Protein backbone atom coordinates (compact mmCIF):
# COMPACT_ATOMS: atom_id res chain seq x y z
CA MET A 1 10.68 -61.62 -9.31
CA GLU A 2 10.02 -65.05 -7.82
CA MET A 3 6.31 -64.73 -8.60
CA LYS A 4 7.07 -63.89 -12.24
CA ILE A 5 9.15 -67.05 -12.53
CA MET A 6 6.40 -69.09 -10.91
CA TYR A 7 3.73 -67.56 -13.19
CA GLY A 8 5.96 -68.17 -16.19
CA ALA A 9 6.41 -71.82 -15.25
CA LEU A 10 2.69 -72.21 -14.66
CA ILE A 11 1.73 -70.72 -18.00
CA PHE A 12 4.48 -72.77 -19.69
CA VAL A 13 2.70 -75.90 -18.46
CA ALA A 14 -0.60 -74.37 -19.61
CA GLY A 15 0.96 -73.93 -23.07
CA TRP A 16 1.96 -77.58 -23.08
CA PHE A 17 -1.61 -78.53 -22.16
CA TYR A 18 -2.83 -76.20 -24.92
CA PHE A 19 -0.78 -78.23 -27.38
CA TYR A 20 -1.76 -81.58 -25.89
CA ILE A 21 -5.50 -80.92 -25.79
CA CYS A 22 -6.13 -78.51 -28.67
CA LEU A 23 -3.30 -78.39 -31.19
CA ARG A 24 -2.68 -82.13 -31.12
CA GLN A 25 -6.28 -82.77 -32.18
CA LEU A 26 -5.98 -80.23 -34.97
CA ILE A 27 -2.72 -81.81 -36.13
CA PHE A 28 -4.36 -85.26 -35.91
CA ASP A 29 -7.12 -84.12 -38.26
CA PHE A 30 -4.60 -82.97 -40.87
CA THR A 31 -1.88 -85.63 -40.53
CA VAL A 32 -4.03 -88.68 -39.78
CA GLY A 33 -7.65 -87.94 -40.62
CA TYR A 34 -7.44 -86.64 -44.17
CA PRO A 35 -4.67 -89.02 -45.38
CA LEU A 36 -6.38 -92.14 -44.03
CA ILE A 37 -9.79 -91.02 -45.30
CA SER A 38 -8.34 -90.68 -48.80
CA ARG A 39 -6.53 -94.04 -48.49
CA PHE A 40 -9.67 -95.85 -47.30
CA GLY A 41 -11.79 -93.96 -49.83
CA LYS A 42 -9.72 -95.35 -52.71
CA ALA A 43 -10.86 -98.84 -51.71
CA GLY A 44 -14.37 -98.05 -52.92
CA GLU A 45 -17.81 -97.19 -51.57
CA GLU A 46 -18.47 -100.81 -50.51
CA VAL A 47 -15.50 -100.60 -48.11
CA PHE A 48 -15.58 -96.99 -46.86
CA VAL A 49 -17.79 -93.95 -47.51
CA PRO A 50 -15.34 -91.03 -47.68
CA LYS A 51 -17.87 -88.23 -48.17
CA GLY A 52 -19.32 -88.47 -44.66
CA ALA A 53 -15.90 -89.05 -43.12
CA ARG A 54 -14.48 -85.97 -44.84
CA ARG A 55 -17.43 -83.92 -43.62
CA LEU A 56 -16.91 -85.08 -40.02
CA ASN A 57 -13.18 -84.34 -40.22
CA THR A 58 -13.78 -80.88 -41.74
CA ILE A 59 -16.22 -80.01 -38.96
CA SER A 60 -13.64 -81.15 -36.41
CA VAL A 61 -10.97 -79.00 -38.08
CA LEU A 62 -13.20 -75.92 -38.03
CA ILE A 63 -14.18 -76.39 -34.39
CA TRP A 64 -10.57 -76.92 -33.27
CA LEU A 65 -9.37 -73.95 -35.34
CA VAL A 66 -11.87 -71.70 -33.54
CA ILE A 67 -10.89 -73.11 -30.14
CA CYS A 68 -7.13 -72.86 -30.80
CA ALA A 69 -7.39 -69.35 -32.24
CA GLY A 70 -9.62 -68.23 -29.38
CA ILE A 71 -7.32 -69.51 -26.66
CA GLY A 72 -4.26 -68.13 -28.47
CA PHE A 73 -5.94 -64.73 -28.83
CA VAL A 74 -6.96 -64.58 -25.16
CA VAL A 75 -3.42 -65.39 -24.04
CA ALA A 76 -1.78 -63.01 -26.51
CA TYR A 77 -4.18 -60.16 -25.73
CA PHE A 78 -4.46 -60.34 -21.96
CA ALA A 79 -1.15 -61.78 -20.75
CA ALA A 80 2.12 -59.94 -20.27
CA LEU A 81 4.79 -60.49 -22.92
CA TYR A 82 6.90 -62.88 -20.82
CA LEU A 83 3.79 -64.97 -20.12
CA VAL A 84 2.89 -65.08 -23.82
CA ILE A 85 6.41 -66.25 -24.63
CA CYS A 86 6.23 -68.91 -21.89
CA PHE A 87 2.80 -70.09 -23.07
CA PHE A 88 3.76 -70.51 -26.70
CA GLY A 89 7.15 -71.90 -25.64
CA GLY A 90 5.29 -74.65 -23.78
CA ALA A 91 3.25 -75.37 -26.91
CA VAL A 92 6.43 -75.58 -29.01
CA VAL A 93 8.01 -77.96 -26.50
CA GLY A 94 4.88 -80.10 -26.74
CA VAL A 95 5.19 -80.24 -30.53
CA ILE A 96 8.86 -81.20 -30.29
CA VAL A 97 8.21 -83.91 -27.69
CA TYR A 98 5.34 -85.45 -29.67
CA ALA A 99 6.77 -84.95 -33.18
CA LYS A 100 7.51 -88.65 -33.69
CA LYS A 101 4.07 -89.67 -32.44
CA LEU A 102 2.21 -87.54 -34.98
CA GLY A 103 1.15 -89.20 -38.23
CA PRO A 104 -1.03 -91.98 -39.59
CA ARG A 105 1.46 -94.84 -39.23
CA THR A 106 1.72 -94.85 -35.45
CA LYS A 107 -0.41 -97.52 -33.84
CA THR A 108 -2.24 -95.24 -31.41
CA ASN A 109 -3.21 -92.75 -34.12
CA PHE A 110 -4.32 -95.52 -36.47
CA GLU A 111 -6.43 -97.08 -33.72
CA ALA A 112 -7.98 -93.71 -32.87
CA PHE A 113 -8.84 -93.21 -36.55
CA CYS A 114 -10.37 -96.69 -36.82
CA ARG A 115 -12.48 -96.30 -33.70
CA THR A 116 -13.73 -92.87 -34.77
CA TYR A 117 -14.38 -93.49 -38.45
CA CYS A 118 -15.71 -97.08 -38.28
CA ARG A 119 -19.21 -95.63 -38.55
CA PHE A 120 -18.53 -94.89 -42.23
CA VAL A 121 -17.95 -98.55 -43.11
CA PRO A 122 -20.99 -100.31 -44.61
CA ASP A 123 -19.71 -103.87 -44.02
CA ASP A 124 -20.52 -105.25 -40.55
CA ASP A 125 -17.38 -107.37 -40.16
CA LEU A 126 -15.03 -104.56 -41.17
CA ARG A 127 -16.92 -102.05 -39.02
CA GLN A 128 -16.64 -104.31 -35.97
CA ALA A 129 -12.94 -104.95 -36.63
CA MET A 130 -12.31 -101.20 -36.97
CA ALA A 131 -14.29 -100.44 -33.80
CA GLN A 132 -12.09 -102.92 -31.94
CA ALA A 133 -8.98 -101.68 -33.79
CA ASP A 134 -8.10 -105.31 -34.48
CA LEU A 135 -5.64 -105.23 -37.39
CA PRO A 136 -5.73 -108.97 -38.30
CA LYS A 137 -9.55 -108.93 -38.37
CA MET A 138 -9.48 -105.76 -40.49
CA ARG A 139 -7.14 -107.37 -42.99
CA ALA A 140 -9.33 -110.49 -43.14
CA ALA A 141 -12.48 -108.40 -43.64
CA LEU A 142 -10.78 -106.38 -46.40
CA ARG A 143 -9.69 -109.59 -48.15
CA ALA A 144 -13.25 -110.93 -47.89
CA LEU A 145 -14.49 -107.75 -49.57
CA GLY A 146 -11.91 -108.17 -52.33
CA SER A 147 -10.06 -104.98 -51.43
CA ASP A 148 -6.30 -104.68 -51.89
CA LEU A 149 -5.98 -101.90 -49.30
CA LYS A 150 -2.66 -102.17 -47.43
CA LEU A 151 -2.64 -101.28 -43.75
CA ASP A 152 0.93 -100.45 -42.76
CA VAL A 153 1.15 -99.53 -39.10
CA GLU A 154 4.24 -99.12 -36.94
CA LYS A 155 4.32 -100.58 -33.46
């Protein structure tokens, strides 16, 4: 019985890691990637090229869907029922713990988006500001381009 509890605790932590590594990236693509791509895309082609960014995000979504489904299938198929419950319980706890940190307005997610998608910005100053995730420089570069894009980020 003690070993079952220990295995359950171990796979619970593995479920939390499954959320943290795999599901969090998939959630990032949907809750941060697509909304910010559409927001930056509305600023115009001279500010941001949304077609390439959408393609990169869609490829990321497909890859993470395959990885998440594969890991979930392996656990559900090969593990005992109590281990499956512990694994997905760990993933649910991860979602609950990180629920407030998911979304495009958090500073870390916005910075991750800027550093990843700066390659789709034609303007050198804005691209450099996005690569450094420097919000004041980004606002100045957007004003210089004549864009009225608002960047609202929580601390």
